[in-house]
N, C-alpha and C. Protein backbone atom coordinates (compact mmCIF):
# COMPACT_ATOMS: atom_id res chain seq x y z
N MET A 1 58.22 -18.56 -36.13
CA MET A 1 56.87 -19.02 -35.81
C MET A 1 56.84 -20.55 -35.85
N ILE A 2 56.40 -21.17 -34.78
CA ILE A 2 56.46 -22.63 -34.67
C ILE A 2 55.04 -23.19 -34.66
N ASN A 3 54.80 -24.17 -35.53
CA ASN A 3 53.45 -24.73 -35.65
C ASN A 3 53.41 -26.24 -35.40
N ASN A 4 54.57 -26.88 -35.26
CA ASN A 4 54.63 -28.32 -35.08
C ASN A 4 54.29 -28.68 -33.63
N PRO A 5 53.18 -29.38 -33.36
CA PRO A 5 52.77 -29.71 -31.98
C PRO A 5 53.82 -30.49 -31.21
N GLU A 6 54.54 -31.41 -31.86
CA GLU A 6 55.57 -32.19 -31.17
C GLU A 6 56.72 -31.30 -30.72
N GLU A 7 57.08 -30.35 -31.55
CA GLU A 7 58.16 -29.42 -31.18
C GLU A 7 57.73 -28.56 -29.99
N VAL A 8 56.48 -28.14 -29.99
CA VAL A 8 55.96 -27.33 -28.88
C VAL A 8 56.04 -28.10 -27.56
N LEU A 9 55.72 -29.40 -27.59
CA LEU A 9 55.74 -30.21 -26.38
C LEU A 9 57.14 -30.33 -25.77
N ARG A 10 58.17 -30.24 -26.60
CA ARG A 10 59.54 -30.37 -26.12
C ARG A 10 60.10 -29.07 -25.55
N MET A 11 59.40 -27.99 -25.71
CA MET A 11 59.91 -26.69 -25.28
C MET A 11 59.80 -26.50 -23.77
N ASN A 12 60.68 -25.63 -23.22
CA ASN A 12 60.48 -25.21 -21.83
C ASN A 12 59.40 -24.13 -21.81
N THR A 13 59.02 -23.70 -20.63
CA THR A 13 57.87 -22.80 -20.51
C THR A 13 58.09 -21.49 -21.25
N PHE A 14 59.28 -20.87 -21.11
CA PHE A 14 59.50 -19.59 -21.77
C PHE A 14 59.50 -19.75 -23.29
N GLU A 15 60.04 -20.85 -23.79
CA GLU A 15 60.00 -21.09 -25.23
C GLU A 15 58.56 -21.23 -25.72
N LYS A 16 57.72 -21.88 -24.91
CA LYS A 16 56.31 -22.01 -25.27
C LYS A 16 55.62 -20.65 -25.28
N ILE A 17 55.97 -19.81 -24.29
CA ILE A 17 55.41 -18.46 -24.23
C ILE A 17 55.78 -17.69 -25.50
N LYS A 18 57.06 -17.72 -25.86
CA LYS A 18 57.51 -16.99 -27.05
C LYS A 18 56.84 -17.53 -28.32
N ALA A 19 56.72 -18.84 -28.42
CA ALA A 19 56.09 -19.43 -29.59
C ALA A 19 54.63 -19.00 -29.70
N HIS A 20 53.95 -18.96 -28.56
CA HIS A 20 52.54 -18.55 -28.56
C HIS A 20 52.41 -17.07 -28.90
N LEU A 21 53.24 -16.24 -28.28
CA LEU A 21 53.15 -14.80 -28.50
C LEU A 21 53.57 -14.40 -29.91
N SER A 22 54.35 -15.25 -30.58
CA SER A 22 54.81 -14.91 -31.92
C SER A 22 53.66 -14.77 -32.91
N HIS A 23 52.49 -15.26 -32.55
CA HIS A 23 51.31 -15.17 -33.41
C HIS A 23 50.42 -13.98 -33.03
N LYS A 24 50.82 -13.20 -32.04
CA LYS A 24 49.95 -12.15 -31.49
C LYS A 24 50.41 -10.75 -31.90
N THR A 25 49.43 -9.85 -31.98
CA THR A 25 49.69 -8.45 -32.35
C THR A 25 49.13 -7.52 -31.30
N VAL A 26 49.94 -6.57 -30.85
CA VAL A 26 49.51 -5.57 -29.88
C VAL A 26 49.69 -4.19 -30.49
N GLY A 27 48.67 -3.36 -30.37
CA GLY A 27 48.74 -1.98 -30.80
C GLY A 27 49.03 -1.08 -29.61
N ILE A 28 49.93 -0.12 -29.78
CA ILE A 28 50.28 0.80 -28.70
C ILE A 28 50.07 2.22 -29.18
N ALA A 29 49.12 2.90 -28.54
CA ALA A 29 48.75 4.26 -28.92
C ALA A 29 49.51 5.24 -28.03
N GLY A 30 50.62 5.75 -28.56
CA GLY A 30 51.47 6.65 -27.80
C GLY A 30 52.80 5.98 -27.49
N CYS A 31 53.89 6.69 -27.72
CA CYS A 31 55.23 6.12 -27.53
C CYS A 31 56.03 6.90 -26.49
N GLY A 32 55.36 7.42 -25.48
CA GLY A 32 56.03 8.14 -24.41
C GLY A 32 56.44 7.20 -23.29
N GLY A 33 56.25 7.68 -22.03
CA GLY A 33 56.68 6.89 -20.88
C GLY A 33 56.01 5.54 -20.80
N LEU A 34 54.70 5.50 -20.93
CA LEU A 34 53.98 4.23 -20.87
C LEU A 34 54.24 3.40 -22.12
N GLY A 35 54.03 4.00 -23.28
CA GLY A 35 54.10 3.24 -24.52
C GLY A 35 55.47 2.66 -24.82
N SER A 36 56.53 3.45 -24.61
CA SER A 36 57.87 2.96 -24.94
C SER A 36 58.28 1.83 -24.02
N ASN A 37 57.99 1.97 -22.73
CA ASN A 37 58.37 0.92 -21.77
C ASN A 37 57.52 -0.33 -21.92
N CYS A 38 56.24 -0.17 -22.19
CA CYS A 38 55.37 -1.32 -22.41
C CYS A 38 55.79 -2.07 -23.67
N ALA A 39 56.09 -1.35 -24.73
CA ALA A 39 56.51 -1.98 -25.99
C ALA A 39 57.78 -2.79 -25.80
N VAL A 40 58.74 -2.24 -25.06
CA VAL A 40 60.00 -2.94 -24.82
C VAL A 40 59.76 -4.22 -24.01
N ALA A 41 58.90 -4.13 -22.99
CA ALA A 41 58.60 -5.32 -22.18
C ALA A 41 58.00 -6.42 -23.04
N LEU A 42 57.08 -6.06 -23.93
CA LEU A 42 56.45 -7.05 -24.80
C LEU A 42 57.44 -7.61 -25.82
N ALA A 43 58.34 -6.76 -26.31
CA ALA A 43 59.35 -7.23 -27.25
C ALA A 43 60.27 -8.24 -26.59
N ARG A 44 60.63 -8.01 -25.34
CA ARG A 44 61.56 -8.90 -24.65
C ARG A 44 60.97 -10.31 -24.46
N VAL A 45 59.66 -10.41 -24.32
CA VAL A 45 59.06 -11.73 -24.11
C VAL A 45 58.61 -12.39 -25.40
N GLY A 46 58.81 -11.72 -26.55
CA GLY A 46 58.60 -12.39 -27.82
C GLY A 46 57.29 -12.12 -28.53
N ILE A 47 56.66 -10.96 -28.30
CA ILE A 47 55.43 -10.65 -29.03
C ILE A 47 55.73 -10.68 -30.53
N GLY A 48 54.78 -11.14 -31.31
CA GLY A 48 55.02 -11.28 -32.74
C GLY A 48 55.06 -9.97 -33.50
N LYS A 49 54.11 -9.09 -33.19
CA LYS A 49 54.01 -7.83 -33.93
C LYS A 49 53.54 -6.71 -33.01
N LEU A 50 54.15 -5.55 -33.16
CA LEU A 50 53.73 -4.34 -32.47
C LEU A 50 53.36 -3.30 -33.51
N ILE A 51 52.21 -2.67 -33.31
CA ILE A 51 51.82 -1.53 -34.14
C ILE A 51 51.85 -0.31 -33.24
N ILE A 52 52.82 0.60 -33.47
CA ILE A 52 53.02 1.74 -32.59
C ILE A 52 52.70 3.03 -33.34
N ALA A 53 52.18 4.02 -32.60
CA ALA A 53 51.81 5.28 -33.24
C ALA A 53 52.07 6.44 -32.29
N ASP A 54 52.71 7.48 -32.81
CA ASP A 54 52.98 8.71 -32.05
C ASP A 54 53.51 9.75 -33.03
N PHE A 55 53.20 11.02 -32.80
CA PHE A 55 53.66 12.07 -33.70
C PHE A 55 54.76 12.93 -33.07
N ASP A 56 55.08 12.68 -31.81
CA ASP A 56 55.95 13.56 -31.05
C ASP A 56 57.43 13.28 -31.32
N VAL A 57 58.27 14.23 -30.88
CA VAL A 57 59.72 14.16 -31.04
C VAL A 57 60.36 14.05 -29.66
N ILE A 58 61.43 13.28 -29.56
CA ILE A 58 62.14 13.09 -28.28
C ILE A 58 62.87 14.38 -27.90
N ASP A 59 62.69 14.80 -26.65
CA ASP A 59 63.52 15.90 -26.13
C ASP A 59 64.16 15.46 -24.81
N LEU A 60 65.05 16.29 -24.32
CA LEU A 60 65.84 15.93 -23.14
C LEU A 60 64.97 15.56 -21.95
N SER A 61 63.87 16.28 -21.77
CA SER A 61 63.00 16.03 -20.61
C SER A 61 62.36 14.66 -20.63
N ASN A 62 62.28 14.03 -21.79
CA ASN A 62 61.67 12.70 -21.90
C ASN A 62 62.54 11.59 -21.30
N LEU A 63 63.84 11.85 -21.19
CA LEU A 63 64.76 10.78 -20.80
C LEU A 63 64.63 10.39 -19.33
N ASN A 64 63.85 11.13 -18.54
CA ASN A 64 63.68 10.77 -17.14
C ASN A 64 62.72 9.59 -16.96
N ARG A 65 62.06 9.15 -18.05
CA ARG A 65 61.08 8.07 -17.89
C ARG A 65 60.81 7.27 -19.16
N GLN A 66 61.26 7.74 -20.31
CA GLN A 66 60.92 7.09 -21.57
C GLN A 66 62.09 6.26 -22.09
N TYR A 67 61.81 5.18 -22.83
CA TYR A 67 62.86 4.26 -23.24
C TYR A 67 63.57 4.76 -24.50
N TYR A 68 64.31 5.86 -24.30
CA TYR A 68 65.13 6.43 -25.37
C TYR A 68 66.50 6.77 -24.81
N PHE A 69 67.39 7.20 -25.72
CA PHE A 69 68.77 7.47 -25.35
C PHE A 69 69.15 8.89 -25.77
N PHE A 70 70.21 9.40 -25.15
CA PHE A 70 70.62 10.78 -25.36
C PHE A 70 70.85 11.08 -26.84
N ASP A 71 71.45 10.12 -27.56
CA ASP A 71 71.75 10.38 -28.97
C ASP A 71 70.51 10.29 -29.87
N GLN A 72 69.34 9.97 -29.27
CA GLN A 72 68.10 9.94 -30.06
C GLN A 72 67.27 11.22 -29.90
N ILE A 73 67.75 12.17 -29.11
CA ILE A 73 67.04 13.44 -28.96
C ILE A 73 66.88 14.09 -30.34
N GLY A 74 65.67 14.56 -30.62
CA GLY A 74 65.37 15.16 -31.91
C GLY A 74 64.72 14.21 -32.90
N LYS A 75 64.78 12.90 -32.63
CA LYS A 75 64.14 11.92 -33.50
C LYS A 75 62.66 11.79 -33.17
N LYS A 76 61.90 11.35 -34.14
CA LYS A 76 60.51 11.00 -33.90
C LYS A 76 60.47 9.79 -32.96
N LYS A 77 59.58 9.84 -31.97
CA LYS A 77 59.51 8.76 -31.00
C LYS A 77 59.17 7.42 -31.66
N CYS A 78 58.25 7.43 -32.61
CA CYS A 78 57.86 6.17 -33.23
C CYS A 78 59.01 5.54 -34.00
N VAL A 79 59.86 6.37 -34.59
CA VAL A 79 61.02 5.87 -35.34
C VAL A 79 62.09 5.33 -34.39
N ALA A 80 62.39 6.11 -33.34
CA ALA A 80 63.41 5.69 -32.37
C ALA A 80 62.98 4.44 -31.62
N LEU A 81 61.70 4.35 -31.26
CA LEU A 81 61.23 3.17 -30.53
C LEU A 81 61.34 1.93 -31.40
N LYS A 82 61.02 2.05 -32.67
CA LYS A 82 61.18 0.90 -33.58
C LYS A 82 62.63 0.46 -33.62
N GLU A 83 63.55 1.43 -33.68
CA GLU A 83 64.98 1.10 -33.67
C GLU A 83 65.37 0.35 -32.40
N ASN A 84 64.89 0.83 -31.26
CA ASN A 84 65.25 0.21 -29.99
C ASN A 84 64.67 -1.19 -29.86
N ILE A 85 63.45 -1.37 -30.32
CA ILE A 85 62.83 -2.69 -30.28
C ILE A 85 63.63 -3.67 -31.14
N GLN A 86 64.05 -3.23 -32.31
CA GLN A 86 64.81 -4.11 -33.20
C GLN A 86 66.17 -4.49 -32.61
N ARG A 87 66.75 -3.59 -31.82
CA ARG A 87 68.01 -3.91 -31.16
C ARG A 87 67.81 -4.94 -30.05
N ILE A 88 66.65 -4.90 -29.41
CA ILE A 88 66.35 -5.84 -28.32
C ILE A 88 65.92 -7.19 -28.85
N ASN A 89 65.02 -7.17 -29.84
CA ASN A 89 64.50 -8.43 -30.39
C ASN A 89 64.16 -8.22 -31.87
N PRO A 90 65.10 -8.53 -32.76
CA PRO A 90 64.86 -8.31 -34.19
C PRO A 90 63.78 -9.18 -34.79
N ASP A 91 63.30 -10.17 -34.05
CA ASP A 91 62.22 -11.01 -34.56
C ASP A 91 60.86 -10.34 -34.47
N VAL A 92 60.75 -9.28 -33.69
CA VAL A 92 59.47 -8.58 -33.56
C VAL A 92 59.21 -7.75 -34.81
N ILE A 93 58.07 -7.94 -35.43
CA ILE A 93 57.66 -7.08 -36.54
C ILE A 93 57.10 -5.80 -35.93
N THR A 94 57.72 -4.67 -36.24
CA THR A 94 57.28 -3.40 -35.66
C THR A 94 56.80 -2.48 -36.77
N GLU A 95 55.50 -2.17 -36.72
CA GLU A 95 54.88 -1.27 -37.69
C GLU A 95 54.75 0.09 -37.02
N SER A 96 55.42 1.08 -37.56
CA SER A 96 55.54 2.39 -36.91
C SER A 96 54.78 3.44 -37.70
N HIS A 97 53.98 4.26 -36.99
CA HIS A 97 53.17 5.29 -37.65
C HIS A 97 53.42 6.65 -36.99
N ASP A 98 53.86 7.60 -37.78
CA ASP A 98 54.08 8.97 -37.34
C ASP A 98 52.77 9.73 -37.54
N ILE A 99 51.93 9.73 -36.51
CA ILE A 99 50.59 10.28 -36.67
C ILE A 99 50.00 10.67 -35.31
N LYS A 100 49.24 11.75 -35.30
CA LYS A 100 48.43 12.08 -34.12
C LYS A 100 47.10 11.36 -34.29
N LEU A 101 46.81 10.44 -33.41
CA LEU A 101 45.67 9.56 -33.59
C LEU A 101 44.33 10.25 -33.39
N HIS A 102 43.41 9.95 -34.29
CA HIS A 102 42.01 10.34 -34.18
C HIS A 102 41.18 9.05 -34.26
N PRO A 103 39.90 9.12 -33.95
CA PRO A 103 39.10 7.88 -33.95
C PRO A 103 39.22 7.05 -35.21
N ALA A 104 39.18 7.67 -36.38
CA ALA A 104 39.28 6.90 -37.63
C ALA A 104 40.62 6.20 -37.75
N ASP A 105 41.68 6.85 -37.27
CA ASP A 105 43.01 6.24 -37.32
C ASP A 105 43.09 5.02 -36.42
N ILE A 106 42.50 5.12 -35.24
CA ILE A 106 42.51 4.00 -34.30
C ILE A 106 41.84 2.79 -34.93
N LEU A 107 40.72 3.02 -35.59
CA LEU A 107 40.00 1.91 -36.22
C LEU A 107 40.79 1.31 -37.38
N SER A 108 41.45 2.15 -38.16
CA SER A 108 42.17 1.63 -39.33
C SER A 108 43.52 0.99 -38.97
N LEU A 109 44.23 1.56 -38.00
CA LEU A 109 45.56 1.05 -37.66
C LEU A 109 45.52 -0.18 -36.77
N PHE A 110 44.54 -0.23 -35.85
CA PHE A 110 44.55 -1.25 -34.82
C PHE A 110 43.48 -2.33 -35.00
N TYR A 111 42.84 -2.37 -36.16
CA TYR A 111 41.73 -3.31 -36.37
C TYR A 111 42.17 -4.77 -36.24
N SER A 112 43.44 -5.06 -36.58
CA SER A 112 43.92 -6.45 -36.56
C SER A 112 44.54 -6.85 -35.23
N CYS A 113 44.57 -5.94 -34.25
CA CYS A 113 45.27 -6.20 -32.99
C CYS A 113 44.48 -7.12 -32.07
N ASP A 114 45.20 -7.98 -31.37
CA ASP A 114 44.58 -8.80 -30.33
C ASP A 114 44.28 -7.96 -29.10
N ILE A 115 45.11 -6.94 -28.85
CA ILE A 115 44.99 -6.07 -27.69
C ILE A 115 45.47 -4.68 -28.10
N ILE A 116 44.86 -3.64 -27.49
CA ILE A 116 45.33 -2.27 -27.68
C ILE A 116 45.76 -1.72 -26.33
N VAL A 117 46.91 -1.06 -26.30
CA VAL A 117 47.41 -0.40 -25.10
C VAL A 117 47.30 1.10 -25.28
N GLU A 118 46.62 1.75 -24.36
CA GLU A 118 46.51 3.22 -24.35
C GLU A 118 47.68 3.78 -23.58
N ALA A 119 48.42 4.74 -24.21
CA ALA A 119 49.60 5.29 -23.57
C ALA A 119 49.73 6.79 -23.84
N PHE A 120 48.61 7.47 -23.73
CA PHE A 120 48.58 8.92 -23.96
C PHE A 120 48.88 9.69 -22.68
N ASP A 121 49.32 10.94 -22.85
CA ASP A 121 49.54 11.83 -21.71
C ASP A 121 48.28 12.61 -21.36
N LEU A 122 47.53 13.03 -22.39
CA LEU A 122 46.42 13.95 -22.19
C LEU A 122 45.11 13.22 -21.89
N ALA A 123 44.36 13.76 -20.93
CA ALA A 123 43.09 13.15 -20.52
C ALA A 123 42.11 13.06 -21.67
N GLU A 124 42.06 14.11 -22.51
CA GLU A 124 41.10 14.09 -23.61
C GLU A 124 41.44 13.01 -24.64
N MET A 125 42.72 12.71 -24.81
CA MET A 125 43.12 11.63 -25.72
C MET A 125 42.76 10.27 -25.13
N LYS A 126 42.94 10.13 -23.81
CA LYS A 126 42.54 8.89 -23.15
C LYS A 126 41.04 8.65 -23.32
N GLU A 127 40.26 9.70 -23.10
CA GLU A 127 38.81 9.58 -23.25
C GLU A 127 38.43 9.20 -24.68
N MET A 128 39.13 9.80 -25.63
CA MET A 128 38.83 9.54 -27.04
C MET A 128 39.05 8.08 -27.41
N ILE A 129 40.19 7.51 -27.02
CA ILE A 129 40.46 6.13 -27.41
C ILE A 129 39.56 5.16 -26.65
N ILE A 130 39.27 5.45 -25.39
CA ILE A 130 38.36 4.57 -24.63
C ILE A 130 36.99 4.55 -25.30
N GLU A 131 36.47 5.72 -25.63
CA GLU A 131 35.15 5.79 -26.26
C GLU A 131 35.16 5.10 -27.62
N THR A 132 36.21 5.31 -28.40
CA THR A 132 36.29 4.72 -29.74
C THR A 132 36.36 3.20 -29.69
N VAL A 133 37.25 2.67 -28.86
CA VAL A 133 37.43 1.22 -28.81
C VAL A 133 36.22 0.52 -28.20
N LEU A 134 35.70 1.06 -27.10
CA LEU A 134 34.56 0.41 -26.46
C LEU A 134 33.32 0.43 -27.34
N THR A 135 33.20 1.48 -28.16
CA THR A 135 32.02 1.61 -29.03
C THR A 135 32.19 0.83 -30.33
N GLU A 136 33.35 1.00 -30.97
CA GLU A 136 33.54 0.46 -32.32
C GLU A 136 34.28 -0.88 -32.36
N MET A 137 35.03 -1.18 -31.29
CA MET A 137 35.80 -2.44 -31.24
C MET A 137 35.57 -3.11 -29.89
N PRO A 138 34.35 -3.37 -29.52
CA PRO A 138 34.03 -3.83 -28.16
C PRO A 138 34.64 -5.17 -27.78
N HIS A 139 35.05 -5.96 -28.77
CA HIS A 139 35.61 -7.28 -28.46
C HIS A 139 37.14 -7.25 -28.34
N THR A 140 37.74 -6.08 -28.53
CA THR A 140 39.20 -5.95 -28.41
C THR A 140 39.55 -5.38 -27.05
N PRO A 141 40.30 -6.10 -26.22
CA PRO A 141 40.68 -5.56 -24.91
C PRO A 141 41.50 -4.28 -25.05
N LEU A 142 41.19 -3.30 -24.19
CA LEU A 142 41.92 -2.03 -24.15
C LEU A 142 42.53 -1.87 -22.77
N ILE A 143 43.85 -1.69 -22.71
CA ILE A 143 44.56 -1.56 -21.44
C ILE A 143 45.03 -0.12 -21.28
N CYS A 144 44.52 0.56 -20.27
CA CYS A 144 44.80 1.98 -20.08
C CYS A 144 45.69 2.21 -18.86
N GLY A 145 46.45 3.31 -18.91
CA GLY A 145 47.23 3.76 -17.76
C GLY A 145 46.59 5.00 -17.17
N LEU A 146 46.37 4.99 -15.86
CA LEU A 146 45.70 6.13 -15.23
C LEU A 146 46.23 6.32 -13.81
N GLY A 147 47.00 7.40 -13.62
CA GLY A 147 47.53 7.71 -12.30
C GLY A 147 48.89 7.10 -12.05
N MET A 148 49.96 7.83 -12.42
CA MET A 148 51.31 7.29 -12.25
C MET A 148 52.33 8.35 -11.91
N ALA A 149 51.89 9.58 -11.68
CA ALA A 149 52.82 10.67 -11.41
C ALA A 149 53.44 10.56 -10.02
N GLY A 150 54.54 11.28 -9.82
CA GLY A 150 55.17 11.34 -8.50
C GLY A 150 56.07 10.16 -8.21
N TRP A 151 56.21 9.85 -6.94
CA TRP A 151 57.13 8.79 -6.50
C TRP A 151 56.54 8.11 -5.27
N GLY A 152 57.10 6.95 -4.93
CA GLY A 152 56.58 6.21 -3.77
C GLY A 152 55.17 5.71 -4.01
N MET A 153 54.45 5.49 -2.92
CA MET A 153 53.03 5.09 -2.97
C MET A 153 52.81 3.81 -3.77
N ASN A 154 53.72 2.85 -3.63
CA ASN A 154 53.59 1.61 -4.38
C ASN A 154 52.26 0.90 -4.13
N ALA A 155 51.81 0.95 -2.88
CA ALA A 155 50.60 0.20 -2.51
C ALA A 155 49.35 0.73 -3.19
N GLN A 156 49.42 1.96 -3.71
CA GLN A 156 48.24 2.54 -4.35
C GLN A 156 48.10 2.11 -5.81
N ILE A 157 49.15 1.52 -6.38
CA ILE A 157 49.11 1.12 -7.79
C ILE A 157 48.46 -0.25 -7.91
N HIS A 158 47.51 -0.36 -8.81
CA HIS A 158 46.76 -1.60 -8.93
C HIS A 158 46.23 -1.72 -10.37
N SER A 159 45.56 -2.81 -10.65
CA SER A 159 44.88 -2.97 -11.93
C SER A 159 43.52 -3.62 -11.69
N HIS A 160 42.59 -3.27 -12.53
CA HIS A 160 41.28 -3.92 -12.49
C HIS A 160 40.61 -3.75 -13.85
N ASN A 161 39.56 -4.49 -14.08
CA ASN A 161 38.89 -4.38 -15.38
C ASN A 161 37.40 -4.26 -15.24
N ILE A 162 36.81 -3.60 -16.23
CA ILE A 162 35.36 -3.51 -16.39
C ILE A 162 35.09 -4.02 -17.80
N ASP A 163 34.59 -5.23 -17.90
CA ASP A 163 34.42 -5.88 -19.20
C ASP A 163 35.76 -5.92 -19.92
N ASN A 164 35.86 -5.31 -21.11
CA ASN A 164 37.10 -5.38 -21.87
C ASN A 164 37.99 -4.15 -21.70
N LEU A 165 37.72 -3.33 -20.69
CA LEU A 165 38.56 -2.19 -20.36
C LEU A 165 39.37 -2.53 -19.11
N TYR A 166 40.69 -2.45 -19.23
CA TYR A 166 41.60 -2.77 -18.12
C TYR A 166 42.35 -1.50 -17.75
N ILE A 167 42.36 -1.17 -16.46
CA ILE A 167 42.98 0.07 -15.99
C ILE A 167 44.13 -0.25 -15.06
N CYS A 168 45.29 0.37 -15.32
CA CYS A 168 46.49 0.19 -14.50
C CYS A 168 46.94 1.55 -13.97
N GLY A 169 47.26 1.62 -12.68
CA GLY A 169 47.72 2.86 -12.07
C GLY A 169 47.04 3.08 -10.74
N ASP A 170 47.20 4.27 -10.18
CA ASP A 170 46.51 4.53 -8.91
C ASP A 170 45.17 5.23 -9.13
N GLU A 171 44.88 5.62 -10.38
CA GLU A 171 43.60 6.23 -10.79
C GLU A 171 43.33 7.56 -10.09
N ALA A 172 44.36 8.19 -9.53
CA ALA A 172 44.14 9.42 -8.79
C ALA A 172 45.21 10.48 -9.02
N THR A 173 46.48 10.07 -9.08
CA THR A 173 47.57 11.03 -9.10
C THR A 173 47.68 11.71 -10.47
N GLU A 174 47.52 13.02 -10.49
CA GLU A 174 47.59 13.77 -11.73
C GLU A 174 48.96 14.43 -11.87
N ILE A 175 49.42 14.52 -13.11
CA ILE A 175 50.70 15.15 -13.41
C ILE A 175 50.60 16.66 -13.21
N SER A 176 51.60 17.24 -12.53
CA SER A 176 51.65 18.68 -12.31
C SER A 176 53.12 19.06 -12.11
N PRO A 177 53.44 20.36 -12.09
CA PRO A 177 54.83 20.76 -11.82
C PRO A 177 55.35 20.23 -10.49
N GLU A 178 54.45 20.11 -9.50
CA GLU A 178 54.85 19.61 -8.18
C GLU A 178 54.86 18.09 -8.13
N CYS A 179 54.21 17.43 -9.09
CA CYS A 179 54.09 15.97 -9.09
C CYS A 179 54.38 15.46 -10.51
N PRO A 180 55.64 15.48 -10.92
CA PRO A 180 55.98 15.11 -12.30
C PRO A 180 55.96 13.60 -12.52
N PRO A 181 55.86 13.18 -13.77
CA PRO A 181 55.99 11.75 -14.07
C PRO A 181 57.47 11.36 -14.04
N LEU A 182 57.81 10.33 -13.27
CA LEU A 182 59.19 9.89 -13.11
C LEU A 182 59.32 8.40 -13.43
N ALA A 183 60.53 8.00 -13.78
CA ALA A 183 60.75 6.65 -14.29
C ALA A 183 60.19 5.53 -13.41
N PRO A 184 60.39 5.53 -12.07
CA PRO A 184 59.95 4.37 -11.30
C PRO A 184 58.45 4.08 -11.39
N ARG A 185 57.61 5.08 -11.10
CA ARG A 185 56.16 4.81 -11.12
C ARG A 185 55.64 4.63 -12.54
N VAL A 186 56.15 5.42 -13.48
CA VAL A 186 55.74 5.26 -14.87
C VAL A 186 56.12 3.86 -15.36
N GLY A 187 57.33 3.43 -15.01
CA GLY A 187 57.77 2.10 -15.42
C GLY A 187 56.94 0.99 -14.81
N ILE A 188 56.55 1.16 -13.54
CA ILE A 188 55.71 0.16 -12.89
C ILE A 188 54.39 0.01 -13.64
N VAL A 189 53.76 1.13 -13.95
CA VAL A 189 52.46 1.09 -14.63
C VAL A 189 52.60 0.54 -16.05
N ALA A 190 53.66 0.96 -16.75
CA ALA A 190 53.88 0.45 -18.11
C ALA A 190 54.09 -1.06 -18.12
N ASN A 191 54.86 -1.55 -17.18
CA ASN A 191 55.09 -2.99 -17.10
C ASN A 191 53.85 -3.72 -16.60
N MET A 192 53.05 -3.06 -15.78
CA MET A 192 51.77 -3.65 -15.38
C MET A 192 50.86 -3.78 -16.60
N GLN A 193 50.85 -2.79 -17.47
CA GLN A 193 50.07 -2.89 -18.70
C GLN A 193 50.55 -4.07 -19.54
N ALA A 194 51.88 -4.22 -19.67
CA ALA A 194 52.42 -5.35 -20.42
C ALA A 194 52.05 -6.68 -19.76
N ASN A 195 52.05 -6.70 -18.44
CA ASN A 195 51.72 -7.93 -17.72
C ASN A 195 50.25 -8.31 -17.89
N VAL A 196 49.37 -7.32 -17.89
CA VAL A 196 47.95 -7.58 -18.16
C VAL A 196 47.79 -8.11 -19.58
N ALA A 197 48.52 -7.51 -20.53
CA ALA A 197 48.47 -8.00 -21.92
C ALA A 197 48.90 -9.47 -21.98
N LEU A 198 49.97 -9.82 -21.29
CA LEU A 198 50.42 -11.22 -21.28
C LEU A 198 49.36 -12.13 -20.69
N GLU A 199 48.78 -11.69 -19.59
CA GLU A 199 47.74 -12.52 -18.96
C GLU A 199 46.61 -12.83 -19.94
N LEU A 200 46.21 -11.83 -20.72
CA LEU A 200 45.13 -12.02 -21.67
C LEU A 200 45.57 -12.87 -22.87
N LEU A 201 46.77 -12.61 -23.36
CA LEU A 201 47.25 -13.30 -24.55
C LEU A 201 47.60 -14.76 -24.29
N LEU A 202 47.98 -15.08 -23.05
CA LEU A 202 48.42 -16.44 -22.75
C LEU A 202 47.31 -17.34 -22.21
N LYS A 203 46.09 -16.82 -22.17
CA LYS A 203 44.98 -17.62 -21.65
C LYS A 203 44.79 -18.91 -22.44
N ASP A 204 45.02 -18.83 -23.75
CA ASP A 204 44.78 -20.00 -24.59
C ASP A 204 46.08 -20.66 -25.04
N MET A 205 47.17 -20.48 -24.25
CA MET A 205 48.45 -21.07 -24.61
C MET A 205 48.38 -22.59 -24.54
N ILE A 206 49.03 -23.23 -25.50
CA ILE A 206 49.06 -24.71 -25.53
C ILE A 206 49.80 -25.24 -24.32
């Protein structure tokens, strides 16, 4: 963590970005396709702290889109993701929670976050976190993923915001046996979520 203004002035742009982000905390609700890839993207650019939460276990089917490895099958996602983040950037403080999130958990775990990223699979969980954050934490930006199943259709993927709610995806494509979630589109949306987070976090960069 760098606080000396003269040292900051001598840095190149990426060093300044990392120095600025080192003071920031992002909460990620869900460690599947969206959450694992978004967390890794933020770790690579130097986010200071990640608070991640998920209760699920890695299985073989997850490897088509989630940032895990074959030898991690059977591990808790939140534990394996913390391991992977530390291998990429050991300077990131990663707080890992093995929990199925409910409204009270969201308020207690993510209260200190500058930004929250929604990365759930189920529509009812997405609705729950949106309602909780917008009602109880209205000043904390929430970045959601909506519509990323299938393949192709790059032009349909976009982002937009309504006040402090930011939505990434095509907002239409639903997951089904005929339209599964696959690495390319899931990765695009996850990295778009990370990119929106950067845009918000770097607004006040020195």
